[in-house]
Amino acid sequence: MQKRISSYTAILEPAEEGGYVAHVPMLPGCMTQGKTFEEARRNIQEAIRGYVAVLREDGDEVPVESGDAIMTTVRTPV
């Protein structure tokens, strides 16, 4: 069985206590962490696979992003 490749936007941010936290806005609650950026990146890939597997097992629709996301940091006085 051929596996389908899907793309999801993952946001990785430095954690206050060190390392990185990662989450996927398209998949609410899909989050993880890692001691390094690369570890967090690998962990979020695994978390996405697990999240999608549970959706499929439950017969729920798997969200698909409509296109490439553009992310930027915006700085503004508040």
PDB file of N, CA and C in Angstrom:
ATOM      1  N   MET A   1       0.843  -1.184   0.000  1.00  0.00           N
ATOM      2  CA  MET A   1       0.000   0.000   0.000  1.00  0.00           C
ATOM      3  C   MET A   1       0.886   1.244   0.000  1.00  0.00           C
ATOM      4  N   GLN A   2       0.651   2.114  -0.952  1.00  0.00           N
ATOM      5  CA  GLN A   2       1.430   3.341  -1.062  1.00  0.00           C
ATOM      6  C   GLN A   2       0.894   4.383  -0.087  1.00  0.00           C
ATOM      7  N   LYS A   3       1.806   5.017   0.637  1.00  0.00           N
ATOM      8  CA  LYS A   3       1.399   6.049   1.592  1.00  0.00           C
ATOM      9  C   LYS A   3       1.309   7.391   0.885  1.00  0.00           C
ATOM     10  N   ARG A   4       0.308   8.148   1.253  1.00  0.00           N
ATOM     11  CA  ARG A   4       0.097   9.485   0.711  1.00  0.00           C
ATOM     12  C   ARG A   4       0.930  10.475   1.513  1.00  0.00           C
ATOM     13  N   ILE A   5       1.526  11.430   0.849  1.00  0.00           N
ATOM     14  CA  ILE A   5       2.307  12.472   1.513  1.00  0.00           C
ATOM     15  C   ILE A   5       1.447  13.724   1.609  1.00  0.00           C
ATOM     16  N   SER A   6       1.276  14.221   2.810  1.00  0.00           N
ATOM     17  CA  SER A   6       0.535  15.461   3.044  1.00  0.00           C
ATOM     18  C   SER A   6       1.472  16.476   3.681  1.00  0.00           C
ATOM     19  N   SER A   7       1.170  17.733   3.492  1.00  0.00           N
ATOM     20  CA  SER A   7       1.965  18.802   4.095  1.00  0.00           C
ATOM     21  C   SER A   7       1.108  19.582   5.076  1.00  0.00           C
ATOM     22  N   TYR A   8       1.687  19.855   6.229  1.00  0.00           N
ATOM     23  CA  TYR A   8       1.037  20.671   7.250  1.00  0.00           C
ATOM     24  C   TYR A   8       2.019  21.715   7.743  1.00  0.00           C
ATOM     25  N   THR A   9       1.514  22.888   8.031  1.00  0.00           N
ATOM     26  CA  THR A   9       2.336  23.941   8.605  1.00  0.00           C
ATOM     27  C   THR A   9       2.535  23.635  10.082  1.00  0.00           C
ATOM     28  N   ALA A  10       3.784  23.529  10.488  1.00  0.00           N
ATOM     29  CA  ALA A  10       4.131  23.313  11.889  1.00  0.00           C
ATOM     30  C   ALA A  10       4.864  24.556  12.382  1.00  0.00           C
ATOM     31  N   ILE A  11       4.518  25.000  13.560  1.00  0.00           N
ATOM     32  CA  ILE A  11       5.174  26.156  14.158  1.00  0.00           C
ATOM     33  C   ILE A  11       6.061  25.650  15.288  1.00  0.00           C
ATOM     34  N   LEU A  12       7.345  25.942  15.181  1.00  0.00           N
ATOM     35  CA  LEU A  12       8.314  25.568  16.203  1.00  0.00           C
ATOM     36  C   LEU A  12       8.835  26.842  16.836  1.00  0.00           C
ATOM     37  N   GLU A  13       8.766  26.891  18.162  1.00  0.00           N
ATOM     38  CA  GLU A  13       9.182  28.083  18.895  1.00  0.00           C
ATOM     39  C   GLU A  13      10.082  27.684  20.055  1.00  0.00           C
ATOM     40  N   PRO A  14      11.049  28.542  20.386  1.00  0.00           N
ATOM     41  CA  PRO A  14      11.872  28.252  21.554  1.00  0.00           C
ATOM     42  C   PRO A  14      11.003  28.210  22.813  1.00  0.00           C
ATOM     43  N   ALA A  15      11.261  27.228  23.663  1.00  0.00           N
ATOM     44  CA  ALA A  15      10.534  27.094  24.922  1.00  0.00           C
ATOM     45  C   ALA A  15      11.264  27.885  26.010  1.00  0.00           C
ATOM     46  N   GLU A  16      10.509  28.426  26.949  1.00  0.00           N
ATOM     47  CA  GLU A  16      11.099  29.208  28.038  1.00  0.00           C
ATOM     48  C   GLU A  16      12.125  28.406  28.818  1.00  0.00           C
ATOM     49  N   GLU A  17      11.852  27.121  29.026  1.00  0.00           N
ATOM     50  CA  GLU A  17      12.739  26.279  29.814  1.00  0.00           C
ATOM     51  C   GLU A  17      13.857  25.651  28.991  1.00  0.00           C
ATOM     52  N   GLY A  18      13.939  26.015  27.717  1.00  0.00           N
ATOM     53  CA  GLY A  18      14.940  25.462  26.807  1.00  0.00           C
ATOM     54  C   GLY A  18      14.292  24.496  25.837  1.00  0.00           C
ATOM     55  N   GLY A  19      14.960  24.246  24.758  1.00  0.00           N
ATOM     56  CA  GLY A  19      14.412  23.375  23.729  1.00  0.00           C
ATOM     57  C   GLY A  19      13.362  24.094  22.899  1.00  0.00           C
ATOM     58  N   TYR A  20      12.512  23.318  22.260  1.00  0.00           N
ATOM     59  CA  TYR A  20      11.498  23.876  21.356  1.00  0.00           C
ATOM     60  C   TYR A  20      10.159  23.200  21.578  1.00  0.00           C
ATOM     61  N   VAL A  21       9.092  23.949  21.378  1.00  0.00           N
ATOM     62  CA  VAL A  21       7.738  23.401  21.346  1.00  0.00           C
ATOM     63  C   VAL A  21       7.243  23.522  19.908  1.00  0.00           C
ATOM     64  N   ALA A  22       6.410  22.578  19.509  1.00  0.00           N
ATOM     65  CA  ALA A  22       5.903  22.570  18.138  1.00  0.00           C
ATOM     66  C   ALA A  22       4.415  22.262  18.154  1.00  0.00           C
ATOM     67  N   HIS A  23       3.681  22.932  17.263  1.00  0.00           N
ATOM     68  CA  HIS A  23       2.259  22.634  17.108  1.00  0.00           C
ATOM     69  C   HIS A  23       1.837  22.854  15.664  1.00  0.00           C
ATOM     70  N   VAL A  24       0.693  22.258  15.327  1.00  0.00           N
ATOM     71  CA  VAL A  24       0.159  22.330  13.963  1.00  0.00           C
ATOM     72  C   VAL A  24      -1.215  22.991  14.045  1.00  0.00           C
ATOM     73  N   PRO A  25      -1.338  24.247  13.607  1.00  0.00           N
ATOM     74  CA  PRO A  25      -2.622  24.953  13.711  1.00  0.00           C
ATOM     75  C   PRO A  25      -3.795  24.227  13.039  1.00  0.00           C
ATOM     76  N   MET A  26      -3.552  23.532  11.947  1.00  0.00           N
ATOM     77  CA  MET A  26      -4.619  22.835  11.217  1.00  0.00           C
ATOM     78  C   MET A  26      -5.137  21.619  11.992  1.00  0.00           C
ATOM     79  N   LEU A  27      -4.333  21.134  12.953  1.00  0.00           N
ATOM     80  CA  LEU A  27      -4.702  19.950  13.722  1.00  0.00           C
ATOM     81  C   LEU A  27      -4.747  20.319  15.204  1.00  0.00           C
ATOM     82  N   PRO A  28      -5.864  20.845  15.684  1.00  0.00           N
ATOM     83  CA  PRO A  28      -5.958  21.321  17.066  1.00  0.00           C
ATOM     84  C   PRO A  28      -5.520  20.267  18.088  1.00  0.00           C
ATOM     85  N   GLY A  29      -4.622  20.677  18.976  1.00  0.00           N
ATOM     86  CA  GLY A  29      -4.128  19.777  20.010  1.00  0.00           C
ATOM     87  C   GLY A  29      -2.925  18.955  19.591  1.00  0.00           C
ATOM     88  N   CYS A  30      -2.535  19.051  18.324  1.00  0.00           N
ATOM     89  CA  CYS A  30      -1.363  18.312  17.846  1.00  0.00           C
ATOM     90  C   CYS A  30      -0.129  19.130  18.201  1.00  0.00           C
ATOM     91  N   MET A  31       0.572  18.696  19.248  1.00  0.00           N
ATOM     92  CA  MET A  31       1.740  19.439  19.699  1.00  0.00           C
ATOM     93  C   MET A  31       2.742  18.496  20.340  1.00  0.00           C
ATOM     94  N   THR A  32       3.977  18.958  20.428  1.00  0.00           N
ATOM     95  CA  THR A  32       5.048  18.182  21.032  1.00  0.00           C
ATOM     96  C   THR A  32       6.182  19.127  21.387  1.00  0.00           C
ATOM     97  N   GLN A  33       7.305  18.562  21.768  1.00  0.00           N
ATOM     98  CA  GLN A  33       8.471  19.365  22.105  1.00  0.00           C
ATOM     99  C   GLN A  33       9.729  18.569  21.804  1.00  0.00           C
ATOM    100  N   GLY A  34      10.869  19.219  21.919  1.00  0.00           N
ATOM    101  CA  GLY A  34      12.147  18.546  21.745  1.00  0.00           C
ATOM    102  C   GLY A  34      13.261  19.379  22.339  1.00  0.00           C
ATOM    103  N   LYS A  35      14.350  18.723  22.683  1.00  0.00           N
ATOM    104  CA  LYS A  35      15.497  19.432  23.267  1.00  0.00           C
ATOM    105  C   LYS A  35      16.199  20.296  22.228  1.00  0.00           C
ATOM    106  N   THR A  36      16.125  19.889  20.967  1.00  0.00           N
ATOM    107  CA  THR A  36      16.731  20.657  19.875  1.00  0.00           C
ATOM    108  C   THR A  36      15.660  20.926  18.816  1.00  0.00           C
ATOM    109  N   PHE A  37      15.956  21.844  17.900  1.00  0.00           N
ATOM    110  CA  PHE A  37      15.038  22.140  16.807  1.00  0.00           C
ATOM    111  C   PHE A  37      14.760  20.875  15.996  1.00  0.00           C
ATOM    112  N   GLU A  38      15.812  20.134  15.651  1.00  0.00           N
ATOM    113  CA  GLU A  38      15.648  18.928  14.837  1.00  0.00           C
ATOM    114  C   GLU A  38      14.841  17.859  15.564  1.00  0.00           C
ATOM    115  N   GLU A  39      15.055  17.712  16.875  1.00  0.00           N
ATOM    116  CA  GLU A  39      14.274  16.743  17.631  1.00  0.00           C
ATOM    117  C   GLU A  39      12.801  17.145  17.652  1.00  0.00           C
ATOM    118  N   ALA A  40      12.526  18.425  17.857  1.00  0.00           N
ATOM    119  CA  ALA A  40      11.137  18.902  17.840  1.00  0.00           C
ATOM    120  C   ALA A  40      10.517  18.689  16.460  1.00  0.00           C
ATOM    121  N   ARG A  41      11.288  18.893  15.418  1.00  0.00           N
ATOM    122  CA  ARG A  41      10.798  18.689  14.048  1.00  0.00           C
ATOM    123  C   ARG A  41      10.445  17.220  13.808  1.00  0.00           C
ATOM    124  N   ARG A  42      11.316  16.322  14.233  1.00  0.00           N
ATOM    125  CA  ARG A  42      11.027  14.887  14.101  1.00  0.00           C
ATOM    126  C   ARG A  42       9.806  14.506  14.933  1.00  0.00           C
ATOM    127  N   ASN A  43       9.737  15.054  16.143  1.00  0.00           N
ATOM    128  CA  ASN A  43       8.617  14.723  17.030  1.00  0.00           C
ATOM    129  C   ASN A  43       7.283  15.206  16.487  1.00  0.00           C
ATOM    130  N   ILE A  44       7.268  16.380  15.838  1.00  0.00           N
ATOM    131  CA  ILE A  44       5.989  16.869  15.306  1.00  0.00           C
ATOM    132  C   ILE A  44       5.563  16.036  14.098  1.00  0.00           C
ATOM    133  N   GLN A  45       6.527  15.545  13.322  1.00  0.00           N
ATOM    134  CA  GLN A  45       6.170  14.641  12.221  1.00  0.00           C
ATOM    135  C   GLN A  45       5.497  13.389  12.769  1.00  0.00           C
ATOM    136  N   GLU A  46       6.045  12.835  13.837  1.00  0.00           N
ATOM    137  CA  GLU A  46       5.457  11.655  14.472  1.00  0.00           C
ATOM    138  C   GLU A  46       4.085  11.983  15.056  1.00  0.00           C
ATOM    139  N   ALA A  47       3.959  13.149  15.680  1.00  0.00           N
ATOM    140  CA  ALA A  47       2.674  13.553  16.254  1.00  0.00           C
ATOM    141  C   ALA A  47       1.613  13.703  15.169  1.00  0.00           C
ATOM    142  N   ILE A  48       1.983  14.261  14.034  1.00  0.00           N
ATOM    143  CA  ILE A  48       1.039  14.400  12.913  1.00  0.00           C
ATOM    144  C   ILE A  48       0.581  13.024  12.449  1.00  0.00           C
ATOM    145  N   ARG A  49       1.522  12.102  12.268  1.00  0.00           N
ATOM    146  CA  ARG A  49       1.148  10.743  11.829  1.00  0.00           C
ATOM    147  C   ARG A  49       0.169  10.104  12.812  1.00  0.00           C
ATOM    148  N   GLY A  50       0.441  10.248  14.103  1.00  0.00           N
ATOM    149  CA  GLY A  50      -0.452   9.683  15.112  1.00  0.00           C
ATOM    150  C   GLY A  50      -1.819  10.340  15.115  1.00  0.00           C
ATOM    151  N   TYR A  51      -1.841  11.659  14.994  1.00  0.00           N
ATOM    152  CA  TYR A  51      -3.092  12.426  14.984  1.00  0.00           C
ATOM    153  C   TYR A  51      -3.962  11.983  13.808  1.00  0.00           C
ATOM    154  N   VAL A  52      -3.351  11.905  12.626  1.00  0.00           N
ATOM    155  CA  VAL A  52      -4.093  11.525  11.420  1.00  0.00           C
ATOM    156  C   VAL A  52      -4.572  10.074  11.530  1.00  0.00           C
ATOM    157  N   ALA A  53      -3.742   9.200  12.094  1.00  0.00           N
ATOM    158  CA  ALA A  53      -4.143   7.794  12.261  1.00  0.00           C
ATOM    159  C   ALA A  53      -5.389   7.685  13.135  1.00  0.00           C
ATOM    160  N   VAL A  54      -5.450   8.455  14.208  1.00  0.00           N
ATOM    161  CA  VAL A  54      -6.624   8.428  15.096  1.00  0.00           C
ATOM    162  C   VAL A  54      -7.856   8.959  14.369  1.00  0.00           C
ATOM    163  N   LEU A  55      -7.692  10.035  13.608  1.00  0.00           N
ATOM    164  CA  LEU A  55      -8.822  10.551  12.828  1.00  0.00           C
ATOM    165  C   LEU A  55      -9.368   9.469  11.900  1.00  0.00           C
ATOM    166  N   ARG A  56      -8.471   8.794  11.200  1.00  0.00           N
ATOM    167  CA  ARG A  56      -8.900   7.742  10.261  1.00  0.00           C
ATOM    168  C   ARG A  56      -9.577   6.583  10.986  1.00  0.00           C
ATOM    169  N   GLU A  57      -9.004   6.172  12.119  1.00  0.00           N
ATOM    170  CA  GLU A  57      -9.594   5.079  12.897  1.00  0.00           C
ATOM    171  C   GLU A  57     -11.010   5.426  13.351  1.00  0.00           C
ATOM    172  N   ASP A  58     -11.220   6.687  13.700  1.00  0.00           N
ATOM    173  CA  ASP A  58     -12.527   7.145  14.172  1.00  0.00           C
ATOM    174  C   ASP A  58     -13.488   7.472  13.024  1.00  0.00           C
ATOM    175  N   GLY A  59     -13.002   7.385  11.790  1.00  0.00           N
ATOM    176  CA  GLY A  59     -13.841   7.690  10.639  1.00  0.00           C
ATOM    177  C   GLY A  59     -14.049   9.178  10.417  1.00  0.00           C
ATOM    178  N   ASP A  60     -13.188  10.003  11.033  1.00  0.00           N
ATOM    179  CA  ASP A  60     -13.295  11.450  10.875  1.00  0.00           C
ATOM    180  C   ASP A  60     -12.526  11.916   9.644  1.00  0.00           C
ATOM    181  N   GLU A  61     -12.929  13.064   9.135  1.00  0.00           N
ATOM    182  CA  GLU A  61     -12.252  13.649   7.986  1.00  0.00           C
ATOM    183  C   GLU A  61     -10.869  14.152   8.392  1.00  0.00           C
ATOM    184  N   VAL A  62      -9.895  13.916   7.531  1.00  0.00           N
ATOM    185  CA  VAL A  62      -8.531  14.395   7.772  1.00  0.00           C
ATOM    186  C   VAL A  62      -8.394  15.768   7.117  1.00  0.00           C
ATOM    187  N   PRO A  63      -8.124  16.815   7.910  1.00  0.00           N
ATOM    188  CA  PRO A  63      -7.967  18.154   7.336  1.00  0.00           C
ATOM    189  C   PRO A  63      -6.795  18.205   6.350  1.00  0.00           C
ATOM    190  N   VAL A  64      -6.989  18.958   5.283  1.00  0.00           N
ATOM    191  CA  VAL A  64      -5.951  19.141   4.281  1.00  0.00           C
ATOM    192  C   VAL A  64      -5.747  20.633   4.097  1.00  0.00           C
ATOM    193  N   GLU A  65      -4.499  21.071   4.154  1.00  0.00           N
ATOM    194  CA  GLU A  65      -4.227  22.492   3.929  1.00  0.00           C
ATOM    195  C   GLU A  65      -4.424  22.810   2.457  1.00  0.00           C
ATOM    196  N   SER A  66      -4.959  23.992   2.176  1.00  0.00           N
ATOM    197  CA  SER A  66      -5.300  24.364   0.808  1.00  0.00           C
ATOM    198  C   SER A  66      -4.108  24.827  -0.006  1.00  0.00           C
ATOM    199  N   GLY A  67      -3.033  25.186   0.625  1.00  0.00           N
ATOM    200  CA  GLY A  67      -1.863  25.657  -0.119  1.00  0.00           C
ATOM    201  C   GLY A  67      -0.731  25.970   0.836  1.00  0.00           C
ATOM    202  N   ASP A  68       0.325  26.502   0.289  1.00  0.00           N
ATOM    203  CA  ASP A  68       1.468  26.849   1.116  1.00  0.00           C
ATOM    204  C   ASP A  68       1.136  28.028   2.009  1.00  0.00           C
ATOM    205  N   ALA A  69       1.498  27.907   3.260  1.00  0.00           N
ATOM    206  CA  ALA A  69       1.271  28.995   4.210  1.00  0.00           C
ATOM    207  C   ALA A  69       2.452  29.959   4.157  1.00  0.00           C
ATOM    208  N   ILE A  70       2.173  31.200   4.409  1.00  0.00           N
ATOM    209  CA  ILE A  70       3.220  32.206   4.519  1.00  0.00           C
ATOM    210  C   ILE A  70       3.225  32.673   5.960  1.00  0.00           C
ATOM    211  N   MET A  71       4.367  32.541   6.589  1.00  0.00           N
ATOM    212  CA  MET A  71       4.480  32.944   7.987  1.00  0.00           C
ATOM    213  C   MET A  71       5.530  34.035   8.099  1.00  0.00           C
ATOM    214  N   THR A  72       5.275  34.960   8.975  1.00  0.00           N
ATOM    215  CA  THR A  72       6.224  36.046   9.219  1.00  0.00           C
ATOM    216  C   THR A  72       6.093  36.486  10.668  1.00  0.00           C
ATOM    217  N   THR A  73       7.121  37.109  11.155  1.00  0.00           N
ATOM    218  CA  THR A  73       7.069  37.713  12.474  1.00  0.00           C
ATOM    219  C   THR A  73       6.768  39.190  12.308  1.00  0.00           C
ATOM    220  N   VAL A  74       5.784  39.667  13.032  1.00  0.00           N
ATOM    221  CA  VAL A  74       5.388  41.071  12.950  1.00  0.00           C
ATOM    222  C   VAL A  74       5.722  41.725  14.278  1.00  0.00           C
ATOM    223  N   ARG A  75       6.502  42.785  14.241  1.00  0.00           N
ATOM    224  CA  ARG A  75       6.857  43.522  15.446  1.00  0.00           C
ATOM    225  C   ARG A  75       6.103  44.842  15.436  1.00  0.00           C
ATOM    226  N   THR A  76       5.510  45.173  16.566  1.00  0.00           N
ATOM    227  CA  THR A  76       4.754  46.410  16.660  1.00  0.00           C
ATOM    228  C   THR A  76       4.757  46.891  18.102  1.00  0.00           C
ATOM    229  N   PRO A  77       4.781  48.197  18.321  1.00  0.00           N
ATOM    230  CA  PRO A  77       4.665  48.682  19.681  1.00  0.00           C
ATOM    231  C   PRO A  77       3.247  48.423  20.201  1.00  0.00           C
ATOM    232  N   VAL A  78       3.152  48.014  21.438  1.00  0.00           N
ATOM    233  CA  VAL A  78       1.826  47.768  22.025  1.00  0.00           C
ATOM    234  C   VAL A  78       1.695  48.533  23.324  1.00  0.00           C
TER     235      VAL A  78
END
